[in-house]
Structures are given as structure tokens and as C-alpha cells.
């Protein structure tokens, strides 16, 4: 699998402008649109189906892990030495 995929997925879910991830149906609907006559005037476009995630950036996964560990430690979800 992709290293840190769950971390990236959860970050996107919390920070994308629509505050959610896309569904397979939304991706499929986008493909149907591009295959239909409705898109006959569309040329050379990048068609993002990502809840707006492409307009933001994401910190390096190591930074995210450190932040999540610190938040969990503050919330009492981790033992004091787990983030070290």
C-alpha cells in the first residue's frame, strides 16, 4: 500500500474545502459527463474531483504524525512516552 495513506486521507477529509472526501459515484459521474455531449466544448482541461483538495497544500506526513501525536497526548489518548 501507500505509506501514510490513512494519514493523508484523514487530513484531506478534515481540510478540504468541502470537508469531506469524494465518493466513487462522484468520480463516475464526472467520467460520464466527460464522455457525454455535455462536455463537447471542453478541451485540454484538468478535471479535479477532490472536494476542492487541489487548492490547498498538505504538510509533510512526518509533521502530521508529530501534530497528531501531540494532540492525542493532550487529549489523554496516548501514554506520555508514546510520542517520543
PDB file of N, CA and C in Angstrom:
ATOM      1  N   UNK A   1       0.814  -1.188   0.000  1.00  0.00           N
ATOM      2  CA  UNK A   1       0.000   0.000   0.000  1.00  0.00           C
ATOM      3  C   UNK A   1       0.860   1.255   0.000  1.00  0.00           C
ATOM      4  N   UNK A   2       0.205   2.354   0.033  1.00  0.00           N
ATOM      5  CA  UNK A   2       0.862   3.661   0.061  1.00  0.00           C
ATOM      6  C   UNK A   2       1.168   4.015   1.506  1.00  0.00           C
ATOM      7  N   UNK A   3       2.424   4.324   1.776  1.00  0.00           N
ATOM      8  CA  UNK A   3       2.821   4.696   3.135  1.00  0.00           C
ATOM      9  C   UNK A   3       2.037   5.927   3.579  1.00  0.00           C
ATOM     10  N   UNK A   4       1.521   5.892   4.777  1.00  0.00           N
ATOM     11  CA  UNK A   4       0.788   7.013   5.371  1.00  0.00           C
ATOM     12  C   UNK A   4      -0.496   7.376   4.620  1.00  0.00           C
ATOM     13  N   UNK A   5      -1.062   6.441   3.862  1.00  0.00           N
ATOM     14  CA  UNK A   5      -2.281   6.726   3.102  1.00  0.00           C
ATOM     15  C   UNK A   5      -3.424   7.142   4.024  1.00  0.00           C
ATOM     16  N   UNK A   6      -3.595   6.446   5.138  1.00  0.00           N
ATOM     17  CA  UNK A   6      -4.688   6.785   6.058  1.00  0.00           C
ATOM     18  C   UNK A   6      -4.495   8.186   6.636  1.00  0.00           C
ATOM     19  N   UNK A   7      -3.261   8.538   6.943  1.00  0.00           N
ATOM     20  CA  UNK A   7      -2.949   9.866   7.464  1.00  0.00           C
ATOM     21  C   UNK A   7      -3.329  10.940   6.443  1.00  0.00           C
ATOM     22  N   UNK A   8      -2.963  10.721   5.171  1.00  0.00           N
ATOM     23  CA  UNK A   8      -3.291  11.676   4.110  1.00  0.00           C
ATOM     24  C   UNK A   8      -4.794  11.746   3.873  1.00  0.00           C
ATOM     25  N   UNK A   9      -5.473  10.600   3.901  1.00  0.00           N
ATOM     26  CA  UNK A   9      -6.921  10.552   3.715  1.00  0.00           C
ATOM     27  C   UNK A   9      -7.621  11.356   4.805  1.00  0.00           C
ATOM     28  N   UNK A  10      -7.227  11.134   6.056  1.00  0.00           N
ATOM     29  CA  UNK A  10      -7.855  11.846   7.168  1.00  0.00           C
ATOM     30  C   UNK A  10      -7.566  13.343   7.120  1.00  0.00           C
ATOM     31  N   UNK A  11      -6.360  13.711   6.700  1.00  0.00           N
ATOM     32  CA  UNK A  11      -6.028  15.132   6.571  1.00  0.00           C
ATOM     33  C   UNK A  11      -6.925  15.775   5.518  1.00  0.00           C
ATOM     34  N   UNK A  12      -7.075  15.104   4.378  1.00  0.00           N
ATOM     35  CA  UNK A  12      -7.917  15.645   3.312  1.00  0.00           C
ATOM     36  C   UNK A  12      -9.353  15.794   3.795  1.00  0.00           C
ATOM     37  N   UNK A  13      -9.848  14.801   4.482  1.00  0.00           N
ATOM     38  CA  UNK A  13     -11.233  14.826   4.964  1.00  0.00           C
ATOM     39  C   UNK A  13     -11.474  16.028   5.883  1.00  0.00           C
ATOM     40  N   UNK A  14     -10.491  16.358   6.718  1.00  0.00           N
ATOM     41  CA  UNK A  14     -10.641  17.473   7.662  1.00  0.00           C
ATOM     42  C   UNK A  14     -10.382  18.841   7.028  1.00  0.00           C
ATOM     43  N   UNK A  15      -9.539  18.907   5.982  1.00  0.00           N
ATOM     44  CA  UNK A  15      -9.088  20.207   5.493  1.00  0.00           C
ATOM     45  C   UNK A  15      -9.559  20.592   4.095  1.00  0.00           C
ATOM     46  N   UNK A  16     -10.111  19.679   3.329  1.00  0.00           N
ATOM     47  CA  UNK A  16     -10.610  20.035   2.000  1.00  0.00           C
ATOM     48  C   UNK A  16     -11.743  21.047   2.153  1.00  0.00           C
ATOM     49  N   UNK A  17     -11.883  21.970   1.215  1.00  0.00           N
ATOM     50  CA  UNK A  17     -12.924  22.989   1.334  1.00  0.00           C
ATOM     51  C   UNK A  17     -14.331  22.434   1.572  1.00  0.00           C
ATOM     52  N   UNK A  18     -14.664  21.293   1.010  1.00  0.00           N
ATOM     53  CA  UNK A  18     -15.992  20.711   1.243  1.00  0.00           C
ATOM     54  C   UNK A  18     -16.044  19.860   2.507  1.00  0.00           C
ATOM     55  N   UNK A  19     -14.914  19.723   3.208  1.00  0.00           N
ATOM     56  CA  UNK A  19     -14.808  18.988   4.481  1.00  0.00           C
ATOM     57  C   UNK A  19     -15.253  17.528   4.373  1.00  0.00           C
ATOM     58  N   UNK A  20     -14.930  16.938   3.237  1.00  0.00           N
ATOM     59  CA  UNK A  20     -15.253  15.523   3.034  1.00  0.00           C
ATOM     60  C   UNK A  20     -14.395  14.997   1.894  1.00  0.00           C
ATOM     61  N   UNK A  21     -14.394  13.700   1.741  1.00  0.00           N
ATOM     62  CA  UNK A  21     -13.727  13.097   0.594  1.00  0.00           C
ATOM     63  C   UNK A  21     -14.785  12.793  -0.457  1.00  0.00           C
ATOM     64  N   UNK A  22     -14.347  12.527  -1.660  1.00  0.00           N
ATOM     65  CA  UNK A  22     -15.299  12.248  -2.735  1.00  0.00           C
ATOM     66  C   UNK A  22     -15.700  10.780  -2.720  1.00  0.00           C
ATOM     67  N   UNK A  23     -16.832  10.509  -3.313  1.00  0.00           N
ATOM     68  CA  UNK A  23     -17.302   9.127  -3.423  1.00  0.00           C
ATOM     69  C   UNK A  23     -16.965   8.587  -4.807  1.00  0.00           C
ATOM     70  N   UNK A  24     -17.006   7.303  -4.931  1.00  0.00           N
ATOM     71  CA  UNK A  24     -16.759   6.671  -6.235  1.00  0.00           C
ATOM     72  C   UNK A  24     -17.837   7.097  -7.240  1.00  0.00           C
ATOM     73  N   UNK A  25     -19.039   7.360  -6.737  1.00  0.00           N
ATOM     74  CA  UNK A  25     -20.122   7.815  -7.612  1.00  0.00           C
ATOM     75  C   UNK A  25     -19.805   9.190  -8.209  1.00  0.00           C
ATOM     76  N   UNK A  26     -19.206  10.071  -7.401  1.00  0.00           N
ATOM     77  CA  UNK A  26     -18.845  11.397  -7.907  1.00  0.00           C
ATOM     78  C   UNK A  26     -17.772  11.300  -8.987  1.00  0.00           C
ATOM     79  N   UNK A  27     -16.829  10.420  -8.807  1.00  0.00           N
ATOM     80  CA  UNK A  27     -15.794  10.213  -9.825  1.00  0.00           C
ATOM     81  C   UNK A  27     -16.432   9.639 -11.090  1.00  0.00           C
ATOM     82  N   UNK A  28     -17.310   8.661 -10.919  1.00  0.00           N
ATOM     83  CA  UNK A  28     -18.010   8.070 -12.063  1.00  0.00           C
ATOM     84  C   UNK A  28     -18.876   9.085 -12.793  1.00  0.00           C
ATOM     85  N   UNK A  29     -19.584   9.927 -12.036  1.00  0.00           N
ATOM     86  CA  UNK A  29     -20.425  10.956 -12.659  1.00  0.00           C
ATOM     87  C   UNK A  29     -19.588  11.941 -13.460  1.00  0.00           C
ATOM     88  N   UNK A  30     -18.415  12.247 -12.962  1.00  0.00           N
ATOM     89  CA  UNK A  30     -17.511  13.131 -13.686  1.00  0.00           C
ATOM     90  C   UNK A  30     -17.078  12.493 -15.006  1.00  0.00           C
ATOM     91  N   UNK A  31     -16.768  11.207 -14.953  1.00  0.00           N
ATOM     92  CA  UNK A  31     -16.379  10.489 -16.175  1.00  0.00           C
ATOM     93  C   UNK A  31     -17.536  10.457 -17.171  1.00  0.00           C
ATOM     94  N   UNK A  32     -18.748  10.221 -16.676  1.00  0.00           N
ATOM     95  CA  UNK A  32     -19.916  10.216 -17.568  1.00  0.00           C
ATOM     96  C   UNK A  32     -20.109  11.575 -18.230  1.00  0.00           C
ATOM     97  N   UNK A  33     -19.928  12.640 -17.462  1.00  0.00           N
ATOM     98  CA  UNK A  33     -20.019  13.990 -18.015  1.00  0.00           C
ATOM     99  C   UNK A  33     -19.009  14.169 -19.146  1.00  0.00           C
ATOM    100  N   UNK A  34     -17.760  13.761 -18.908  1.00  0.00           N
ATOM    101  CA  UNK A  34     -16.720  13.938 -19.919  1.00  0.00           C
ATOM    102  C   UNK A  34     -16.972  13.091 -21.165  1.00  0.00           C
ATOM    103  N   UNK A  35     -17.664  11.979 -20.997  1.00  0.00           N
ATOM    104  CA  UNK A  35     -17.986  11.117 -22.137  1.00  0.00           C
ATOM    105  C   UNK A  35     -19.256  11.553 -22.865  1.00  0.00           C
ATOM    106  N   UNK A  36     -20.023  12.444 -22.250  1.00  0.00           N
ATOM    107  CA  UNK A  36     -21.307  12.846 -22.831  1.00  0.00           C
ATOM    108  C   UNK A  36     -21.149  14.069 -23.736  1.00  0.00           C
ATOM    109  N   UNK A  37     -22.230  14.382 -24.447  1.00  0.00           N
ATOM    110  CA  UNK A  37     -22.250  15.577 -25.290  1.00  0.00           C
ATOM    111  C   UNK A  37     -22.209  16.859 -24.460  1.00  0.00           C
ATOM    112  N   UNK A  38     -22.522  16.782 -23.173  1.00  0.00           N
ATOM    113  CA  UNK A  38     -22.486  17.966 -22.308  1.00  0.00           C
ATOM    114  C   UNK A  38     -21.083  18.564 -22.224  1.00  0.00           C
ATOM    115  N   UNK A  39     -20.069  17.751 -22.456  1.00  0.00           N
ATOM    116  CA  UNK A  39     -18.691  18.247 -22.368  1.00  0.00           C
ATOM    117  C   UNK A  39     -18.072  18.485 -23.745  1.00  0.00           C
ATOM    118  N   UNK A  40     -18.900  18.613 -24.773  1.00  0.00           N
ATOM    119  CA  UNK A  40     -18.365  18.732 -26.135  1.00  0.00           C
ATOM    120  C   UNK A  40     -17.485  19.968 -26.333  1.00  0.00           C
ATOM    121  N   UNK A  41     -17.647  20.989 -25.518  1.00  0.00           N
ATOM    122  CA  UNK A  41     -16.817  22.189 -25.634  1.00  0.00           C
ATOM    123  C   UNK A  41     -15.612  22.189 -24.712  1.00  0.00           C
ATOM    124  N   UNK A  42     -15.407  21.122 -23.972  1.00  0.00           N
ATOM    125  CA  UNK A  42     -14.293  21.044 -23.023  1.00  0.00           C
ATOM    126  C   UNK A  42     -13.064  20.508 -23.745  1.00  0.00           C
ATOM    127  N   UNK A  43     -11.958  21.252 -23.664  1.00  0.00           N
ATOM    128  CA  UNK A  43     -10.718  20.802 -24.292  1.00  0.00           C
ATOM    129  C   UNK A  43      -9.541  21.039 -23.361  1.00  0.00           C
ATOM    130  N   UNK A  44      -8.659  20.086 -23.280  1.00  0.00           N
ATOM    131  CA  UNK A  44      -7.412  20.241 -22.556  1.00  0.00           C
ATOM    132  C   UNK A  44      -7.540  20.673 -21.110  1.00  0.00           C
ATOM    133  N   UNK A  45      -8.530  20.194 -20.425  1.00  0.00           N
ATOM    134  CA  UNK A  45      -8.756  20.594 -19.035  1.00  0.00           C
ATOM    135  C   UNK A  45      -8.302  19.511 -18.069  1.00  0.00           C
ATOM    136  N   UNK A  46      -7.878  19.933 -16.897  1.00  0.00           N
ATOM    137  CA  UNK A  46      -7.678  19.011 -15.789  1.00  0.00           C
ATOM    138  C   UNK A  46      -8.942  19.092 -14.962  1.00  0.00           C
ATOM    139  N   UNK A  47      -9.634  17.996 -14.850  1.00  0.00           N
ATOM    140  CA  UNK A  47     -10.937  17.969 -14.176  1.00  0.00           C
ATOM    141  C   UNK A  47     -10.754  17.355 -12.788  1.00  0.00           C
ATOM    142  N   UNK A  48     -10.677  18.189 -11.778  1.00  0.00           N
ATOM    143  CA  UNK A  48     -10.476  17.710 -10.410  1.00  0.00           C
ATOM    144  C   UNK A  48     -11.806  17.281  -9.797  1.00  0.00           C
ATOM    145  N   UNK A  49     -11.822  16.103  -9.219  1.00  0.00           N
ATOM    146  CA  UNK A  49     -12.968  15.614  -8.447  1.00  0.00           C
ATOM    147  C   UNK A  49     -12.383  15.234  -7.090  1.00  0.00           C
ATOM    148  N   UNK A  50     -12.220  16.248  -6.227  1.00  0.00           N
ATOM    149  CA  UNK A  50     -11.475  16.017  -4.987  1.00  0.00           C
ATOM    150  C   UNK A  50     -11.955  16.869  -3.812  1.00  0.00           C
ATOM    151  N   UNK A  51     -13.183  17.332  -3.852  1.00  0.00           N
ATOM    152  CA  UNK A  51     -13.761  18.167  -2.780  1.00  0.00           C
ATOM    153  C   UNK A  51     -12.978  19.457  -2.570  1.00  0.00           C
ATOM    154  N   UNK A  52     -12.271  19.903  -3.595  1.00  0.00           N
ATOM    155  CA  UNK A  52     -11.508  21.142  -3.514  1.00  0.00           C
ATOM    156  C   UNK A  52     -10.108  20.979  -2.962  1.00  0.00           C
ATOM    157  N   UNK A  53      -9.685  19.745  -2.724  1.00  0.00           N
ATOM    158  CA  UNK A  53      -8.389  19.495  -2.093  1.00  0.00           C
ATOM    159  C   UNK A  53      -7.227  20.045  -2.915  1.00  0.00           C
ATOM    160  N   UNK A  54      -7.376  20.127  -4.239  1.00  0.00           N
ATOM    161  CA  UNK A  54      -6.273  20.580  -5.093  1.00  0.00           C
ATOM    162  C   UNK A  54      -5.900  22.036  -4.868  1.00  0.00           C
ATOM    163  N   UNK A  55      -6.736  22.811  -4.194  1.00  0.00           N
ATOM    164  CA  UNK A  55      -6.424  24.227  -3.989  1.00  0.00           C
ATOM    165  C   UNK A  55      -5.717  24.488  -2.659  1.00  0.00           C
ATOM    166  N   UNK A  56      -5.458  23.433  -1.881  1.00  0.00           N
ATOM    167  CA  UNK A  56      -4.738  23.584  -0.614  1.00  0.00           C
ATOM    168  C   UNK A  56      -3.473  22.740  -0.656  1.00  0.00           C
ATOM    169  N   UNK A  57      -2.625  22.904   0.321  1.00  0.00           N
ATOM    170  CA  UNK A  57      -1.433  22.063   0.397  1.00  0.00           C
ATOM    171  C   UNK A  57      -1.477  21.245   1.679  1.00  0.00           C
ATOM    172  N   UNK A  58      -0.603  20.268   1.762  1.00  0.00           N
ATOM    173  CA  UNK A  58      -0.570  19.384   2.921  1.00  0.00           C
ATOM    174  C   UNK A  58       0.840  19.355   3.478  1.00  0.00           C
ATOM    175  N   UNK A  59       0.979  19.435   4.801  1.00  0.00           N
ATOM    176  CA  UNK A  59       2.313  19.311   5.395  1.00  0.00           C
ATOM    177  C   UNK A  59       2.903  17.923   5.132  1.00  0.00           C
ATOM    178  N   UNK A  60       4.189  17.797   5.281  1.00  0.00           N
ATOM    179  CA  UNK A  60       4.850  16.502   5.140  1.00  0.00           C
ATOM    180  C   UNK A  60       4.239  15.524   6.150  1.00  0.00           C
ATOM    181  N   UNK A  61       4.046  14.256   5.780  1.00  0.00           N
ATOM    182  CA  UNK A  61       3.445  13.280   6.699  1.00  0.00           C
ATOM    183  C   UNK A  61       4.136  13.185   8.062  1.00  0.00           C
ATOM    184  N   UNK A  62       5.458  13.363   8.119  1.00  0.00           N
ATOM    185  CA  UNK A  62       6.150  13.326   9.414  1.00  0.00           C
ATOM    186  C   UNK A  62       5.675  14.454  10.332  1.00  0.00           C
ATOM    187  N   UNK A  63       5.426  15.623   9.746  1.00  0.00           N
ATOM    188  CA  UNK A  63       4.918  16.757  10.526  1.00  0.00           C
ATOM    189  C   UNK A  63       3.512  16.444  11.026  1.00  0.00           C
ATOM    190  N   UNK A  64       2.694  15.851  10.161  1.00  0.00           N
ATOM    191  CA  UNK A  64       1.329  15.490  10.565  1.00  0.00           C
ATOM    192  C   UNK A  64       1.331  14.482  11.702  1.00  0.00           C
ATOM    193  N   UNK A  65       2.216  13.492  11.619  1.00  0.00           N
ATOM    194  CA  UNK A  65       2.294  12.483  12.685  1.00  0.00           C
ATOM    195  C   UNK A  65       2.647  13.134  14.015  1.00  0.00           C
ATOM    196  N   UNK A  66       3.606  14.044  13.982  1.00  0.00           N
ATOM    197  CA  UNK A  66       4.021  14.737  15.203  1.00  0.00           C
ATOM    198  C   UNK A  66       2.863  15.543  15.778  1.00  0.00           C
ATOM    199  N   UNK A  67       2.124  16.235  14.905  1.00  0.00           N
ATOM    200  CA  UNK A  67       0.975  17.023  15.357  1.00  0.00           C
ATOM    201  C   UNK A  67      -0.110  16.131  15.945  1.00  0.00           C
ATOM    202  N   UNK A  68      -0.418  15.030  15.260  1.00  0.00           N
ATOM    203  CA  UNK A  68      -1.461  14.128  15.753  1.00  0.00           C
ATOM    204  C   UNK A  68      -1.062  13.493  17.081  1.00  0.00           C
ATOM    205  N   UNK A  69       0.200  13.114  17.211  1.00  0.00           N
ATOM    206  CA  UNK A  69       0.667  12.539  18.476  1.00  0.00           C
ATOM    207  C   UNK A  69       0.549  13.553  19.610  1.00  0.00           C
ATOM    208  N   UNK A  70       0.910  14.807  19.327  1.00  0.00           N
ATOM    209  CA  UNK A  70       0.824  15.852  20.354  1.00  0.00           C
ATOM    210  C   UNK A  70      -0.629  16.098  20.753  1.00  0.00           C
ATOM    211  N   UNK A  71      -1.538  16.119  19.761  1.00  0.00           N
ATOM    212  CA  UNK A  71      -2.961  16.317  20.057  1.00  0.00           C
ATOM    213  C   UNK A  71      -3.515  15.155  20.865  1.00  0.00           C
ATOM    214  N   UNK A  72      -3.130  13.936  20.503  1.00  0.00           N
ATOM    215  CA  UNK A  72      -3.598  12.759  21.233  1.00  0.00           C
ATOM    216  C   UNK A  72      -3.060  12.763  22.656  1.00  0.00           C
ATOM    217  N   UNK A  73      -1.820  13.183  22.809  1.00  0.00           N
ATOM    218  CA  UNK A  73      -1.208  13.247  24.137  1.00  0.00           C
ATOM    219  C   UNK A  73      -1.958  14.246  25.020  1.00  0.00           C
ATOM    220  N   UNK A  74      -2.301  15.399  24.444  1.00  0.00           N
ATOM    221  CA  UNK A  74      -3.058  16.410  25.185  1.00  0.00           C
ATOM    222  C   UNK A  74      -4.449  15.909  25.557  1.00  0.00           C
ATOM    223  N   UNK A  75      -5.038  15.125  24.662  1.00  0.00           N
ATOM    224  CA  UNK A  75      -6.378  14.596  24.918  1.00  0.00           C
ATOM    225  C   UNK A  75      -6.345  13.393  25.848  1.00  0.00           C
ATOM    226  N   UNK A  76      -5.148  12.914  26.163  1.00  0.00           N
ATOM    227  CA  UNK A  76      -5.023  11.761  27.051  1.00  0.00           C
ATOM    228  C   UNK A  76      -5.196  10.430  26.354  1.00  0.00           C
ATOM    229  N   UNK A  77      -5.089  10.430  25.015  1.00  0.00           N
ATOM    230  CA  UNK A  77      -5.266   9.197  24.248  1.00  0.00           C
ATOM    231  C   UNK A  77      -3.990   8.376  24.131  1.00  0.00           C
ATOM    232  N   UNK A  78      -2.837   8.957  24.445  1.00  0.00           N
ATOM    233  CA  UNK A  78      -1.557   8.256  24.341  1.00  0.00           C
ATOM    234  C   UNK A  78      -0.835   8.311  25.681  1.00  0.00           C
ATOM    235  N   UNK A  79      -0.081   7.284  25.989  1.00  0.00           N
ATOM    236  CA  UNK A  79       0.785   7.377  27.172  1.00  0.00           C
ATOM    237  C   UNK A  79       1.807   8.489  26.969  1.00  0.00           C
ATOM    238  N   UNK A  80       2.341   9.029  28.017  1.00  0.00           N
ATOM    239  CA  UNK A  80       3.252  10.175  27.952  1.00  0.00           C
ATOM    240  C   UNK A  80       4.472   9.921  27.083  1.00  0.00           C
ATOM    241  N   UNK A  81       4.956   8.680  26.996  1.00  0.00           N
ATOM    242  CA  UNK A  81       6.172   8.406  26.219  1.00  0.00           C
ATOM    243  C   UNK A  81       5.893   7.874  24.820  1.00  0.00           C
ATOM    244  N   UNK A  82       4.643   7.759  24.392  1.00  0.00           N
ATOM    245  CA  UNK A  82       4.319   7.169  23.090  1.00  0.00           C
ATOM    246  C   UNK A  82       4.749   8.057  21.933  1.00  0.00           C
ATOM    247  N   UNK A  83       4.755   9.358  22.113  1.00  0.00           N
ATOM    248  CA  UNK A  83       5.113  10.263  21.022  1.00  0.00           C
ATOM    249  C   UNK A  83       6.616  10.468  20.916  1.00  0.00           C
ATOM    250  N   UNK A  84       7.391   9.909  21.824  1.00  0.00           N
ATOM    251  CA  UNK A  84       8.842  10.117  21.820  1.00  0.00           C
ATOM    252  C   UNK A  84       9.560   9.106  20.966  1.00  0.00           C
TER     253      UNK A  84
END
